[in-house]
Amino acid sequence: MTEYRISCGAVSPIPLRITEAEKLLRGKSTLTSSLIEHAAELAVEAVNPITDVRSSREYRLEMIRELTKRSLMLCQERIEEVA
């Protein structure tokens, strides 16, 4: 069975696992664009970043969304390479 692990750093005092997105993707050997979008939204909902001198809350949320999507697209590419 295919398993995914998603974690986010720089959005809380410790890195966070995004377990709801992991559950959504569990067992999926093909990641569709809609699944990737949904997982990215679950990642955004799971974090509660602050604004500080390094970046704003809004920027961090957008980066969580974008980097989750990019990472999952890369996973899909690698799955297709080995298939």
N, C-alpha and C. Protein backbone atom coordinates (compact mmCIF):
# COMPACT_ATOMS: atom_id res chain seq x y z
N MET A 1 0.84 -1.17 0.00
CA MET A 1 0.00 0.00 0.00
C MET A 1 0.89 1.25 0.00
N THR A 2 0.51 2.23 -0.76
CA THR A 2 1.26 3.47 -0.85
C THR A 2 0.99 4.35 0.37
N GLU A 3 2.05 4.83 0.99
CA GLU A 3 1.96 5.70 2.16
C GLU A 3 2.68 7.01 1.85
N TYR A 4 2.17 8.09 2.36
CA TYR A 4 2.77 9.41 2.20
C TYR A 4 2.97 10.01 3.58
N ARG A 5 4.04 10.77 3.74
CA ARG A 5 4.30 11.50 4.97
C ARG A 5 4.50 12.96 4.59
N ILE A 6 3.76 13.83 5.23
CA ILE A 6 3.85 15.26 4.95
C ILE A 6 4.14 15.98 6.27
N SER A 7 5.16 16.80 6.27
CA SER A 7 5.46 17.60 7.46
C SER A 7 5.78 19.03 7.04
N CYS A 8 5.54 19.94 7.94
CA CYS A 8 5.78 21.36 7.68
C CYS A 8 6.63 21.94 8.80
N GLY A 9 7.62 22.71 8.42
CA GLY A 9 8.45 23.41 9.38
C GLY A 9 8.26 24.91 9.22
N ALA A 10 8.82 25.67 10.14
CA ALA A 10 8.78 27.14 10.12
C ALA A 10 7.36 27.70 10.22
N VAL A 11 6.43 26.91 10.73
CA VAL A 11 5.06 27.39 10.93
C VAL A 11 4.58 27.14 12.35
N SER A 12 5.47 26.60 13.17
CA SER A 12 5.17 26.36 14.58
C SER A 12 6.50 26.14 15.29
N PRO A 13 6.49 26.07 16.61
CA PRO A 13 7.75 25.85 17.33
C PRO A 13 8.45 24.54 16.97
N ILE A 14 7.68 23.54 16.56
CA ILE A 14 8.25 22.26 16.13
C ILE A 14 7.64 21.88 14.79
N PRO A 15 8.32 21.05 13.99
CA PRO A 15 7.71 20.59 12.73
C PRO A 15 6.40 19.85 12.99
N LEU A 16 5.46 20.02 12.08
CA LEU A 16 4.14 19.40 12.23
C LEU A 16 3.92 18.35 11.14
N ARG A 17 3.36 17.21 11.53
CA ARG A 17 2.90 16.23 10.55
C ARG A 17 1.50 16.64 10.13
N ILE A 18 1.22 16.52 8.85
CA ILE A 18 -0.10 16.87 8.30
C ILE A 18 -0.86 15.56 8.09
N THR A 19 -1.36 15.02 9.19
CA THR A 19 -1.94 13.67 9.17
C THR A 19 -3.23 13.57 8.37
N GLU A 20 -4.03 14.63 8.35
CA GLU A 20 -5.28 14.56 7.57
C GLU A 20 -4.98 14.41 6.08
N ALA A 21 -3.98 15.11 5.59
CA ALA A 21 -3.59 14.98 4.18
C ALA A 21 -3.01 13.59 3.93
N GLU A 22 -2.23 13.09 4.88
CA GLU A 22 -1.67 11.75 4.74
C GLU A 22 -2.79 10.71 4.63
N LYS A 23 -3.82 10.87 5.46
CA LYS A 23 -4.96 9.94 5.40
C LYS A 23 -5.66 10.02 4.06
N LEU A 24 -5.83 11.23 3.54
CA LEU A 24 -6.48 11.41 2.25
C LEU A 24 -5.73 10.67 1.14
N LEU A 25 -4.41 10.68 1.21
CA LEU A 25 -3.58 10.11 0.14
C LEU A 25 -3.26 8.63 0.33
N ARG A 26 -3.49 8.09 1.53
CA ARG A 26 -3.14 6.70 1.83
C ARG A 26 -3.74 5.74 0.80
N GLY A 27 -2.87 4.90 0.27
CA GLY A 27 -3.30 3.88 -0.68
C GLY A 27 -3.45 4.36 -2.11
N LYS A 28 -3.25 5.63 -2.35
CA LYS A 28 -3.40 6.17 -3.71
C LYS A 28 -2.08 6.03 -4.47
N SER A 29 -2.08 5.27 -5.53
CA SER A 29 -0.86 5.15 -6.34
C SER A 29 -0.83 6.16 -7.47
N THR A 30 -1.95 6.85 -7.68
CA THR A 30 -2.00 7.93 -8.66
C THR A 30 -2.53 9.17 -7.96
N LEU A 31 -1.76 10.24 -8.04
CA LEU A 31 -2.18 11.49 -7.42
C LEU A 31 -2.71 12.42 -8.50
N THR A 32 -4.00 12.61 -8.50
CA THR A 32 -4.62 13.52 -9.48
C THR A 32 -4.42 14.96 -9.01
N SER A 33 -4.64 15.89 -9.91
CA SER A 33 -4.49 17.30 -9.55
C SER A 33 -5.49 17.69 -8.46
N SER A 34 -6.69 17.13 -8.50
CA SER A 34 -7.67 17.46 -7.47
C SER A 34 -7.27 16.89 -6.11
N LEU A 35 -6.69 15.69 -6.08
CA LEU A 35 -6.19 15.13 -4.82
C LEU A 35 -5.05 15.98 -4.26
N ILE A 36 -4.16 16.41 -5.13
CA ILE A 36 -3.04 17.24 -4.72
C ILE A 36 -3.54 18.57 -4.16
N GLU A 37 -4.50 19.19 -4.84
CA GLU A 37 -5.07 20.45 -4.36
C GLU A 37 -5.73 20.27 -2.99
N HIS A 38 -6.48 19.19 -2.83
CA HIS A 38 -7.16 18.92 -1.57
C HIS A 38 -6.14 18.72 -0.45
N ALA A 39 -5.09 17.95 -0.71
CA ALA A 39 -4.05 17.72 0.29
C ALA A 39 -3.37 19.03 0.68
N ALA A 40 -3.12 19.89 -0.29
CA ALA A 40 -2.50 21.19 -0.01
C ALA A 40 -3.40 22.05 0.87
N GLU A 41 -4.70 22.02 0.61
CA GLU A 41 -5.63 22.77 1.44
C GLU A 41 -5.68 22.22 2.87
N LEU A 42 -5.62 20.90 3.00
CA LEU A 42 -5.58 20.29 4.34
C LEU A 42 -4.31 20.70 5.08
N ALA A 43 -3.21 20.83 4.36
CA ALA A 43 -1.97 21.27 4.99
C ALA A 43 -2.11 22.71 5.50
N VAL A 44 -2.71 23.57 4.69
CA VAL A 44 -2.92 24.96 5.10
C VAL A 44 -3.82 25.02 6.33
N GLU A 45 -4.85 24.20 6.36
CA GLU A 45 -5.77 24.19 7.50
C GLU A 45 -5.13 23.66 8.78
N ALA A 46 -4.08 22.86 8.63
CA ALA A 46 -3.46 22.21 9.79
C ALA A 46 -2.44 23.10 10.51
N VAL A 47 -2.01 24.17 9.86
CA VAL A 47 -0.97 25.01 10.46
C VAL A 47 -1.55 26.34 10.94
N ASN A 48 -0.84 26.97 11.84
CA ASN A 48 -1.26 28.26 12.36
C ASN A 48 -0.02 29.15 12.54
N PRO A 49 0.57 29.58 11.43
CA PRO A 49 1.82 30.34 11.53
C PRO A 49 1.60 31.76 12.03
N ILE A 50 2.68 32.36 12.50
CA ILE A 50 2.65 33.74 12.97
C ILE A 50 3.32 34.65 11.94
N THR A 51 3.10 35.92 12.09
CA THR A 51 3.86 36.92 11.35
C THR A 51 5.02 37.33 12.23
N ASP A 52 6.22 37.35 11.67
CA ASP A 52 7.38 37.85 12.39
C ASP A 52 8.29 38.58 11.42
N VAL A 53 9.50 38.90 11.83
CA VAL A 53 10.40 39.67 10.98
C VAL A 53 10.83 38.92 9.73
N ARG A 54 10.72 37.60 9.74
CA ARG A 54 11.15 36.82 8.58
C ARG A 54 10.09 36.70 7.50
N SER A 55 8.82 36.62 7.89
CA SER A 55 7.75 36.54 6.90
C SER A 55 6.39 36.70 7.58
N SER A 56 5.40 36.98 6.74
CA SER A 56 4.05 37.16 7.26
C SER A 56 3.32 35.81 7.34
N ARG A 57 2.26 35.81 8.10
CA ARG A 57 1.39 34.63 8.21
C ARG A 57 0.88 34.24 6.82
N GLU A 58 0.42 35.21 6.06
CA GLU A 58 -0.14 34.96 4.73
C GLU A 58 0.88 34.33 3.80
N TYR A 59 2.11 34.84 3.84
CA TYR A 59 3.17 34.29 3.00
C TYR A 59 3.45 32.83 3.38
N ARG A 60 3.55 32.57 4.66
CA ARG A 60 3.81 31.21 5.11
C ARG A 60 2.70 30.25 4.69
N LEU A 61 1.45 30.68 4.80
CA LEU A 61 0.33 29.84 4.37
C LEU A 61 0.40 29.55 2.88
N GLU A 62 0.71 30.56 2.09
CA GLU A 62 0.81 30.35 0.65
C GLU A 62 1.98 29.42 0.31
N MET A 63 3.07 29.53 1.04
CA MET A 63 4.21 28.64 0.81
C MET A 63 3.89 27.20 1.19
N ILE A 64 3.14 27.01 2.28
CA ILE A 64 2.70 25.66 2.65
C ILE A 64 1.88 25.07 1.52
N ARG A 65 0.94 25.84 1.00
CA ARG A 65 0.09 25.37 -0.10
C ARG A 65 0.95 25.01 -1.32
N GLU A 66 1.79 25.93 -1.74
CA GLU A 66 2.58 25.73 -2.97
C GLU A 66 3.60 24.60 -2.82
N LEU A 67 4.32 24.56 -1.71
CA LEU A 67 5.34 23.54 -1.54
C LEU A 67 4.73 22.15 -1.34
N THR A 68 3.57 22.07 -0.73
CA THR A 68 2.88 20.78 -0.63
C THR A 68 2.51 20.29 -2.02
N LYS A 69 1.97 21.17 -2.85
CA LYS A 69 1.60 20.77 -4.22
C LYS A 69 2.83 20.33 -5.00
N ARG A 70 3.90 21.11 -4.94
CA ARG A 70 5.12 20.76 -5.68
C ARG A 70 5.69 19.43 -5.23
N SER A 71 5.70 19.20 -3.93
CA SER A 71 6.24 17.94 -3.40
C SER A 71 5.42 16.75 -3.86
N LEU A 72 4.11 16.90 -3.82
CA LEU A 72 3.25 15.79 -4.24
C LEU A 72 3.33 15.55 -5.75
N MET A 73 3.49 16.61 -6.53
CA MET A 73 3.68 16.41 -7.98
C MET A 73 4.99 15.67 -8.24
N LEU A 74 6.03 15.98 -7.49
CA LEU A 74 7.30 15.27 -7.62
C LEU A 74 7.13 13.81 -7.23
N CYS A 75 6.38 13.54 -6.17
CA CYS A 75 6.10 12.15 -5.79
C CYS A 75 5.42 11.41 -6.94
N GLN A 76 4.43 12.04 -7.56
CA GLN A 76 3.72 11.40 -8.67
C GLN A 76 4.66 11.12 -9.83
N GLU A 77 5.54 12.05 -10.13
CA GLU A 77 6.52 11.82 -11.21
C GLU A 77 7.39 10.62 -10.91
N ARG A 78 7.83 10.52 -9.67
CA ARG A 78 8.70 9.38 -9.30
C ARG A 78 7.94 8.07 -9.29
N ILE A 79 6.69 8.10 -8.89
CA ILE A 79 5.86 6.89 -8.95
C ILE A 79 5.74 6.42 -10.39
N GLU A 80 5.51 7.36 -11.30
CA GLU A 80 5.37 7.00 -12.71
C GLU A 80 6.67 6.46 -13.30
N GLU A 81 7.81 6.96 -12.83
CA GLU A 81 9.11 6.48 -13.33
C GLU A 81 9.34 5.03 -13.00
N VAL A 82 8.93 4.61 -11.82
CA VAL A 82 9.20 3.23 -11.40
C VAL A 82 8.12 2.25 -11.86
N ALA A 83 7.01 2.78 -12.34
CA ALA A 83 5.90 1.90 -12.76
C ALA A 83 6.17 1.28 -14.11
